PDB file of N, CA and C in Angstrom:
ATOM      1  N   MET A   1      79.489 118.723  85.907  1.00  0.00           N
ATOM      2  CA  MET A   1      79.625 117.581  86.768  1.00  0.00           C
ATOM      3  C   MET A   1      79.739 116.295  85.956  1.00  0.00           C
ATOM      4  N   SER A   2      78.959 116.208  84.898  1.00  0.00           N
ATOM      5  CA  SER A   2      79.012 114.981  84.096  1.00  0.00           C
ATOM      6  C   SER A   2      80.342 114.852  83.364  1.00  0.00           C
ATOM      7  N   ILE A   3      80.954 115.979  83.017  1.00  0.00           N
ATOM      8  CA  ILE A   3      82.266 115.914  82.369  1.00  0.00           C
ATOM      9  C   ILE A   3      83.299 115.362  83.343  1.00  0.00           C
ATOM     10  N   GLU A   4      83.180 115.737  84.607  1.00  0.00           N
ATOM     11  CA  GLU A   4      84.104 115.219  85.621  1.00  0.00           C
ATOM     12  C   GLU A   4      83.965 113.706  85.753  1.00  0.00           C
ATOM     13  N   VAL A   5      82.737 113.221  85.739  1.00  0.00           N
ATOM     14  CA  VAL A   5      82.509 111.777  85.845  1.00  0.00           C
ATOM     15  C   VAL A   5      83.088 111.051  84.631  1.00  0.00           C
ATOM     16  N   MET A   6      82.902 111.630  83.440  1.00  0.00           N
ATOM     17  CA  MET A   6      83.453 111.005  82.237  1.00  0.00           C
ATOM     18  C   MET A   6      84.979 111.016  82.256  1.00  0.00           C
ATOM     19  N   LEU A   7      85.580 112.105  82.713  1.00  0.00           N
ATOM     20  CA  LEU A   7      87.036 112.156  82.805  1.00  0.00           C
ATOM     21  C   LEU A   7      87.564 111.130  83.809  1.00  0.00           C
ATOM     22  N   ASN A   8      86.865 110.978  84.937  1.00  0.00           N
ATOM     23  CA  ASN A   8      87.292 109.983  85.915  1.00  0.00           C
ATOM     24  C   ASN A   8      87.160 108.568  85.363  1.00  0.00           C
ATOM     25  N   ALA A   9      86.105 108.301  84.619  1.00  0.00           N
ATOM     26  CA  ALA A   9      85.930 106.977  84.020  1.00  0.00           C
ATOM     27  C   ALA A   9      87.024 106.689  82.992  1.00  0.00           C
ATOM     28  N   ALA A  10      87.358 107.687  82.187  1.00  0.00           N
ATOM     29  CA  ALA A  10      88.425 107.507  81.205  1.00  0.00           C
ATOM     30  C   ALA A  10      89.766 107.299  81.902  1.00  0.00           C
ATOM     31  N   GLY A  11      90.008 108.052  82.970  1.00  0.00           N
ATOM     32  CA  GLY A  11      91.246 107.882  83.728  1.00  0.00           C
ATOM     33  C   GLY A  11      91.350 106.499  84.341  1.00  0.00           C
ATOM     34  N   LEU A  12      90.245 106.019  84.875  1.00  0.00           N
ATOM     35  CA  LEU A  12      90.240 104.675  85.454  1.00  0.00           C
ATOM     36  C   LEU A  12      90.493 103.619  84.389  1.00  0.00           C
ATOM     37  N   ALA A  13      89.912 103.807  83.213  1.00  0.00           N
ATOM     38  CA  ALA A  13      90.148 102.865  82.112  1.00  0.00           C
ATOM     39  C   ALA A  13      91.620 102.852  81.706  1.00  0.00           C
ATOM     40  N   PHE A  14      92.252 104.014  81.656  1.00  0.00           N
ATOM     41  CA  PHE A  14      93.675 104.065  81.327  1.00  0.00           C
ATOM     42  C   PHE A  14      94.523 103.376  82.393  1.00  0.00           C
ATOM     43  N   ILE A  15      94.190 103.591  83.651  1.00  0.00           N
ATOM     44  CA  ILE A  15      94.946 102.965  84.734  1.00  0.00           C
ATOM     45  C   ILE A  15      94.815 101.451  84.678  1.00  0.00           C
ATOM     46  N   VAL A  16      93.593 100.957  84.478  1.00  0.00           N
ATOM     47  CA  VAL A  16      93.368  99.508  84.421  1.00  0.00           C
ATOM     48  C   VAL A  16      94.071  98.900  83.216  1.00  0.00           C
ATOM     49  N   ALA A  17      93.990  99.556  82.062  1.00  0.00           N
ATOM     50  CA  ALA A  17      94.657  99.040  80.869  1.00  0.00           C
ATOM     51  C   ALA A  17      96.174  99.028  81.052  1.00  0.00           C
ATOM     52  N   GLY A  18      96.711 100.071  81.661  1.00  0.00           N
ATOM     53  CA  GLY A  18      98.151 100.109  81.897  1.00  0.00           C
ATOM     54  C   GLY A  18      98.598  99.036  82.870  1.00  0.00           C
ATOM     55  N   ALA A  19      97.784  98.782  83.891  1.00  0.00           N
ATOM     56  CA  ALA A  19      98.123  97.730  84.856  1.00  0.00           C
ATOM     57  C   ALA A  19      98.011  96.350  84.214  1.00  0.00           C
ATOM     58  N   ARG A  20      97.047  96.173  83.338  1.00  0.00           N
ATOM     59  CA  ARG A  20      96.852  94.876  82.682  1.00  0.00           C
ATOM     60  C   ARG A  20      98.030  94.524  81.788  1.00  0.00           C
ATOM     61  N   TRP A  21      98.544  95.514  81.060  1.00  0.00           N
ATOM     62  CA  TRP A  21      99.629  95.253  80.124  1.00  0.00           C
ATOM     63  C   TRP A  21     101.001  95.583  80.702  1.00  0.00           C
ATOM     64  N   GLY A  22     101.039  95.992  81.950  1.00  0.00           N
ATOM     65  CA  GLY A  22     102.316  96.260  82.607  1.00  0.00           C
ATOM     66  C   GLY A  22     103.058  97.465  82.055  1.00  0.00           C
ATOM     67  N   GLN A  23     102.324  98.472  81.615  1.00  0.00           N
ATOM     68  CA  GLN A  23     102.922  99.670  81.032  1.00  0.00           C
ATOM     69  C   GLN A  23     102.566 100.878  81.895  1.00  0.00           C
ATOM     70  N   ALA A  24     103.426 101.864  81.881  1.00  0.00           N
ATOM     71  CA  ALA A  24     103.174 103.088  82.658  1.00  0.00           C
ATOM     72  C   ALA A  24     102.408 104.132  81.852  1.00  0.00           C
ATOM     73  N   ASP A  25     102.043 103.808  80.623  1.00  0.00           N
ATOM     74  CA  ASP A  25     101.347 104.779  79.772  1.00  0.00           C
ATOM     75  C   ASP A  25      99.999 105.195  80.363  1.00  0.00           C
ATOM     76  N   GLY A  26      99.311 104.275  81.004  1.00  0.00           N
ATOM     77  CA  GLY A  26      98.018 104.591  81.595  1.00  0.00           C
ATOM     78  C   GLY A  26      98.135 105.624  82.692  1.00  0.00           C
ATOM     79  N   GLN A  27      99.188 105.527  83.487  1.00  0.00           N
ATOM     80  CA  GLN A  27      99.383 106.501  84.563  1.00  0.00           C
ATOM     81  C   GLN A  27      99.737 107.871  84.013  1.00  0.00           C
ATOM     82  N   VAL A  28     100.513 107.894  82.945  1.00  0.00           N
ATOM     83  CA  VAL A  28     100.870 109.171  82.314  1.00  0.00           C
ATOM     84  C   VAL A  28      99.622 109.842  81.755  1.00  0.00           C
ATOM     85  N   MET A  29      98.775 109.069  81.079  1.00  0.00           N
ATOM     86  CA  MET A  29      97.541 109.639  80.541  1.00  0.00           C
ATOM     87  C   MET A  29      96.618 110.112  81.660  1.00  0.00           C
ATOM     88  N   PHE A  30      96.624 109.400  82.789  1.00  0.00           N
ATOM     89  CA  PHE A  30      95.790 109.814  83.905  1.00  0.00           C
ATOM     90  C   PHE A  30      96.245 111.165  84.449  1.00  0.00           C
ATOM     91  N   PHE A  31      97.545 111.417  84.473  1.00  0.00           N
ATOM     92  CA  PHE A  31      98.028 112.732  84.915  1.00  0.00           C
ATOM     93  C   PHE A  31      97.576 113.834  83.959  1.00  0.00           C
ATOM     94  N   PHE A  32      97.546 113.545  82.658  1.00  0.00           N
ATOM     95  CA  PHE A  32      97.033 114.520  81.707  1.00  0.00           C
ATOM     96  C   PHE A  32      95.542 114.769  81.931  1.00  0.00           C
ATOM     97  N   ILE A  33      94.807 113.714  82.226  1.00  0.00           N
ATOM     98  CA  ILE A  33      93.384 113.855  82.499  1.00  0.00           C
ATOM     99  C   ILE A  33      93.165 114.690  83.753  1.00  0.00           C
ATOM    100  N   LEU A  34      93.976 114.474  84.781  1.00  0.00           N
ATOM    101  CA  LEU A  34      93.878 115.286  85.997  1.00  0.00           C
ATOM    102  C   LEU A  34      94.164 116.758  85.705  1.00  0.00           C
ATOM    103  N   ALA A  35      95.132 117.023  84.843  1.00  0.00           N
ATOM    104  CA  ALA A  35      95.449 118.409  84.489  1.00  0.00           C
ATOM    105  C   ALA A  35      94.283 119.070  83.755  1.00  0.00           C
ATOM    106  N   VAL A  36      93.635 118.329  82.863  1.00  0.00           N
ATOM    107  CA  VAL A  36      92.477 118.874  82.141  1.00  0.00           C
ATOM    108  C   VAL A  36      91.334 119.144  83.107  1.00  0.00           C
ATOM    109  N   ALA A  37      91.099 118.239  84.041  1.00  0.00           N
ATOM    110  CA  ALA A  37      90.025 118.434  85.022  1.00  0.00           C
ATOM    111  C   ALA A  37      90.308 119.637  85.919  1.00  0.00           C
ATOM    112  N   ALA A  38      91.550 119.799  86.314  1.00  0.00           N
ATOM    113  CA  ALA A  38      91.908 120.939  87.163  1.00  0.00           C
ATOM    114  C   ALA A  38      91.738 122.256  86.411  1.00  0.00           C
ATOM    115  N   SER A  39      92.105 122.278  85.142  1.00  0.00           N
ATOM    116  CA  SER A  39      91.938 123.509  84.371  1.00  0.00           C
ATOM    117  C   SER A  39      90.456 123.809  84.141  1.00  0.00           C
ATOM    118  N   GLU A  40      89.643 122.777  83.988  1.00  0.00           N
ATOM    119  CA  GLU A  40      88.210 122.974  83.827  1.00  0.00           C
ATOM    120  C   GLU A  40      87.604 123.596  85.087  1.00  0.00           C
ATOM    121  N   VAL A  41      88.023 123.122  86.230  1.00  0.00           N
ATOM    122  CA  VAL A  41      87.532 123.677  87.493  1.00  0.00           C
ATOM    123  C   VAL A  41      87.998 125.123  87.644  1.00  0.00           C
ATOM    124  N   ALA A  42      89.213 125.421  87.239  1.00  0.00           N
ATOM    125  CA  ALA A  42      89.730 126.786  87.343  1.00  0.00           C
ATOM    126  C   ALA A  42      88.937 127.741  86.455  1.00  0.00           C
ATOM    127  N   VAL A  43      88.587 127.317  85.267  1.00  0.00           N
ATOM    128  CA  VAL A  43      87.802 128.166  84.370  1.00  0.00           C
ATOM    129  C   VAL A  43      86.402 128.384  84.933  1.00  0.00           C
ATOM    130  N   GLY A  44      85.792 127.334  85.471  1.00  0.00           N
ATOM    131  CA  GLY A  44      84.469 127.478  86.087  1.00  0.00           C
ATOM    132  C   GLY A  44      84.485 128.426  87.261  1.00  0.00           C
ATOM    133  N   LEU A  45      85.501 128.313  88.108  1.00  0.00           N
ATOM    134  CA  LEU A  45      85.621 129.210  89.252  1.00  0.00           C
ATOM    135  C   LEU A  45      85.841 130.647  88.797  1.00  0.00           C
ATOM    136  N   ALA A  46      86.624 130.845  87.752  1.00  0.00           N
ATOM    137  CA  ALA A  46      86.851 132.191  87.228  1.00  0.00           C
ATOM    138  C   ALA A  46      85.554 132.798  86.704  1.00  0.00           C
ATOM    139  N   LEU A  47      84.728 131.987  86.044  1.00  0.00           N
ATOM    140  CA  LEU A  47      83.440 132.499  85.564  1.00  0.00           C
ATOM    141  C   LEU A  47      82.527 132.900  86.714  1.00  0.00           C
ATOM    142  N   VAL A  48      82.487 132.082  87.756  1.00  0.00           N
ATOM    143  CA  VAL A  48      81.648 132.402  88.914  1.00  0.00           C
ATOM    144  C   VAL A  48      82.138 133.672  89.597  1.00  0.00           C
ATOM    145  N   LEU A  49      83.439 133.803  89.767  1.00  0.00           N
ATOM    146  CA  LEU A  49      83.980 135.009  90.394  1.00  0.00           C
ATOM    147  C   LEU A  49      83.710 136.252  89.553  1.00  0.00           C
ATOM    148  N   ARG A  50      83.817 136.116  88.241  1.00  0.00           N
ATOM    149  CA  ARG A  50      83.550 137.250  87.352  1.00  0.00           C
ATOM    150  C   ARG A  50      82.087 137.681  87.438  1.00  0.00           C
ATOM    151  N   MET A  51      81.186 136.704  87.454  1.00  0.00           N
ATOM    152  CA  MET A  51      79.764 137.042  87.576  1.00  0.00           C
ATOM    153  C   MET A  51      79.485 137.715  88.911  1.00  0.00           C
ATOM    154  N   HIS A  52      80.108 137.228  89.956  1.00  0.00           N
ATOM    155  CA  HIS A  52      79.868 137.817  91.275  1.00  0.00           C
ATOM    156  C   HIS A  52      80.396 139.246  91.343  1.00  0.00           C
ATOM    157  N   ARG A  53      81.551 139.494  90.764  1.00  0.00           N
ATOM    158  CA  ARG A  53      82.111 140.854  90.797  1.00  0.00           C
ATOM    159  C   ARG A  53      81.316 141.816  89.926  1.00  0.00           C
ATOM    160  N   GLN A  54      80.840 141.336  88.782  1.00  0.00           N
ATOM    161  CA  GLN A  54      80.144 142.231  87.863  1.00  0.00           C
ATOM    162  C   GLN A  54      78.719 142.523  88.320  1.00  0.00           C
ATOM    163  N   TYR A  55      78.003 141.503  88.783  1.00  0.00           N
ATOM    164  CA  TYR A  55      76.591 141.675  89.127  1.00  0.00           C
ATOM    165  C   TYR A  55      76.335 141.654  90.626  1.00  0.00           C
ATOM    166  N   GLU A  56      77.326 141.364  91.426  1.00  0.00           N
ATOM    167  CA  GLU A  56      77.246 141.314  92.883  1.00  0.00           C
ATOM    168  C   GLU A  56      76.178 140.347  93.394  1.00  0.00           C
ATOM    169  N   THR A  57      75.888 139.333  92.611  1.00  0.00           N
ATOM    170  CA  THR A  57      74.975 138.273  93.013  1.00  0.00           C
ATOM    171  C   THR A  57      75.290 137.021  92.203  1.00  0.00           C
ATOM    172  N   LEU A  58      74.891 135.892  92.734  1.00  0.00           N
ATOM    173  CA  LEU A  58      75.026 134.637  92.002  1.00  0.00           C
ATOM    174  C   LEU A  58      73.663 134.035  91.700  1.00  0.00           C
ATOM    175  N   ASP A  59      72.605 134.828  91.893  1.00  0.00           N
ATOM    176  CA  ASP A  59      71.253 134.386  91.611  1.00  0.00           C
ATOM    177  C   ASP A  59      71.065 134.273  90.103  1.00  0.00           C
ATOM    178  N   ALA A  60      70.652 133.112  89.641  1.00  0.00           N
ATOM    179  CA  ALA A  60      70.520 132.881  88.204  1.00  0.00           C
ATOM    180  C   ALA A  60      69.428 133.758  87.592  1.00  0.00           C
ATOM    181  N   ASP A  61      68.369 134.043  88.333  1.00  0.00           N
ATOM    182  CA  ASP A  61      67.305 134.894  87.806  1.00  0.00           C
ATOM    183  C   ASP A  61      67.775 136.335  87.635  1.00  0.00           C
ATOM    184  N   ALA A  62      68.607 136.795  88.529  1.00  0.00           N
ATOM    185  CA  ALA A  62      69.123 138.162  88.449  1.00  0.00           C
ATOM    186  C   ALA A  62      70.144 138.311  87.321  1.00  0.00           C
ATOM    187  N   LEU A  63      70.728 137.208  86.900  1.00  0.00           N
ATOM    188  CA  LEU A  63      71.740 137.268  85.853  1.00  0.00           C
ATOM    189  C   LEU A  63      71.137 137.113  84.455  1.00  0.00           C
ATOM    190  N   SER A  64      69.834 137.190  84.330  1.00  0.00           N
ATOM    191  CA  SER A  64      69.193 136.987  83.041  1.00  0.00           C
ATOM    192  C   SER A  64      69.523 138.095  82.045  1.00  0.00           C
ATOM    193  N   GLU A  65      70.052 139.206  82.492  1.00  0.00           N
ATOM    194  CA  GLU A  65      70.413 140.295  81.582  1.00  0.00           C
ATOM    195  C   GLU A  65      71.678 139.982  80.779  1.00  0.00           C
ATOM    196  N   MET A  66      72.321 138.853  81.035  1.00  0.00           N
ATOM    197  CA  MET A  66      73.522 138.482  80.311  1.00  0.00           C
ATOM    198  C   MET A  66      73.221 137.973  78.906  1.00  0.00           C
ATOM    199  N   LYS A  67      71.938 137.807  78.566  1.00  0.00           N
ATOM    200  CA  LYS A  67      71.571 137.293  77.248  1.00  0.00           C
ATOM    201  C   LYS A  67      72.038 138.244  76.156  1.00  0.00           C
ATOM    202  N   GLY A  68      72.551 137.639  75.049  1.00  0.00           N
ATOM    203  CA  GLY A  68      72.976 138.260  73.836  1.00  0.00           C
ATOM    204  C   GLY A  68      73.205 139.683  73.861  1.00  0.00           C
TER     205      GLY A  68
END
């Protein structure tokens, strides 16, 4: 969650800087940031689905056997 907040803050900074200097570079970088955030969410969802299929639960205490 904190990575999402940092990515949004960086995206906002790029947008503001691009608007201040009248350049479209900030918007282009924001699209790259959105792509990174979307891929991060996809990887997280894949991990959750994999855990659910393998252990048939999402309980963190039940998943303690995943250690080393």
